[in-house]
């Protein structure tokens, strides 16, 4: 998916992989901002921690060092899986994080 010129999120594919758990999400997108251990993906903040399971990096510090945020269309492609909390902006407590580039 991508963010269009008006700032709306346009999904290329939507799947319900949560098995009925509406708060469990998988989000794959390019990082547009990084603030400490929080990555912004399509306007949603994904919070990473030392308890997050990482793929493509052995730990939190190495994962964050490998991420390059950039303005839309974005920087490093990552996938996070975790618990979604709606809000402005919405947040994901990341249980898993994967470098996709």
Protein backbone atom coordinates (compact mmCIF):
# COMPACT_ATOMS: atom_id res chain seq x y z
CA UNK A 1 0.00 0.00 0.00
CA UNK A 2 0.90 3.66 -0.06
CA UNK A 3 -0.14 7.09 1.15
CA UNK A 4 -1.72 9.13 -1.66
CA UNK A 5 -1.25 12.85 -2.31
CA UNK A 6 -4.12 13.75 0.06
CA UNK A 7 -2.57 11.72 2.89
CA UNK A 8 -5.03 8.81 2.69
CA UNK A 9 -3.75 5.26 3.10
CA UNK A 10 -4.42 3.16 0.02
CA UNK A 11 -4.16 -0.57 0.70
CA UNK A 12 -2.96 -2.89 -2.03
CA UNK A 13 -4.00 -5.95 -0.03
CA UNK A 14 -5.99 -6.48 3.16
CA UNK A 15 -6.07 -9.82 4.98
CA UNK A 16 -7.60 -11.00 8.25
CA UNK A 17 -4.85 -13.18 9.68
CA UNK A 18 -5.83 -12.56 13.28
CA UNK A 19 -7.98 -15.67 13.64
CA UNK A 20 -10.84 -13.64 15.12
CA UNK A 21 -8.57 -11.53 17.36
CA UNK A 22 -9.34 -8.02 16.09
CA UNK A 23 -6.48 -6.40 18.01
CA UNK A 24 -3.72 -8.65 16.61
CA UNK A 25 -2.30 -7.15 13.44
CA UNK A 26 0.44 -7.62 10.89
CA UNK A 27 1.63 -4.42 9.24
CA UNK A 28 4.26 -4.28 6.51
CA UNK A 29 5.24 -0.83 5.30
CA UNK A 30 8.14 1.55 4.84
CA UNK A 31 9.32 3.51 7.85
CA UNK A 32 8.54 7.22 7.61
CA UNK A 33 9.81 8.23 11.08
CA UNK A 34 11.82 6.86 14.00
CA UNK A 35 11.73 8.21 17.55
CA UNK A 36 13.82 6.10 19.92
CA UNK A 37 12.31 2.61 19.80
CA UNK A 38 9.12 3.75 18.00
CA UNK A 39 8.81 3.37 14.22
CA UNK A 40 6.07 5.08 12.21
CA UNK A 41 4.53 2.97 9.42
CA UNK A 42 1.63 4.43 7.41
CA UNK A 43 0.93 6.83 10.28
CA UNK A 44 0.79 4.04 12.88
CA UNK A 45 3.40 3.94 15.66
CA UNK A 46 5.00 0.54 16.25
CA UNK A 47 6.72 0.30 19.64
CA UNK A 48 9.64 -2.14 19.75
CA UNK A 49 11.21 -3.43 22.96
CA UNK A 50 13.85 -5.87 24.18
CA UNK A 51 11.08 -8.50 24.38
CA UNK A 52 10.26 -8.10 20.66
CA UNK A 53 11.46 -11.04 18.53
CA UNK A 54 13.62 -9.73 15.66
CA UNK A 55 14.28 -11.16 12.21
CA UNK A 56 17.12 -9.70 10.18
CA UNK A 57 18.89 -8.39 13.30
CA UNK A 58 19.92 -10.06 16.55
CA UNK A 59 18.57 -7.43 18.96
CA UNK A 60 16.74 -4.11 19.35
CA UNK A 61 19.79 -1.85 18.96
CA UNK A 62 20.98 -3.61 15.80
CA UNK A 63 17.48 -3.61 14.33
CA UNK A 64 17.04 0.12 14.94
CA UNK A 65 20.51 0.84 13.50
CA UNK A 66 19.49 -0.96 10.28
CA UNK A 67 16.33 1.16 9.85
CA UNK A 68 16.46 4.30 7.74
CA UNK A 69 13.31 6.42 7.95
CA UNK A 70 12.36 8.67 5.04
CA UNK A 71 9.43 10.84 4.03
CA UNK A 72 6.69 9.13 1.99
CA UNK A 73 6.94 6.82 0.20
CA UNK A 74 9.25 5.90 3.09
CA UNK A 75 12.54 4.29 3.95
CA UNK A 76 13.34 0.78 5.16
CA UNK A 77 10.63 -1.81 4.59
CA UNK A 78 9.69 -3.58 7.83
CA UNK A 79 6.96 -5.94 9.00
CA UNK A 80 5.64 -5.85 12.56
CA UNK A 81 3.21 -8.20 14.27
CA UNK A 82 1.56 -7.31 17.54
CA UNK A 83 -1.36 -5.86 19.44
CA UNK A 84 -3.08 -2.84 17.90
CA UNK A 85 -4.53 -0.04 20.00
CA UNK A 86 -6.73 2.42 18.08
CA UNK A 87 -6.17 6.12 18.55
CA UNK A 88 -4.70 9.16 16.90
CA UNK A 89 -2.28 7.80 15.96
CA UNK A 90 -2.92 4.10 16.41
CA UNK A 91 -0.16 2.06 18.04
CA UNK A 92 1.15 -1.47 17.76
CA UNK A 93 2.98 -3.12 20.65
CA UNK A 94 5.36 -5.15 18.46
CA UNK A 95 5.83 -8.78 19.42
CA UNK A 96 7.76 -9.50 16.22
CA UNK A 97 9.66 -7.20 13.85
CA UNK A 98 11.31 -8.14 10.56
CA UNK A 99 13.58 -6.24 8.16
CA UNK A 100 12.17 -6.76 4.67
CA UNK A 101 14.72 -4.93 2.47
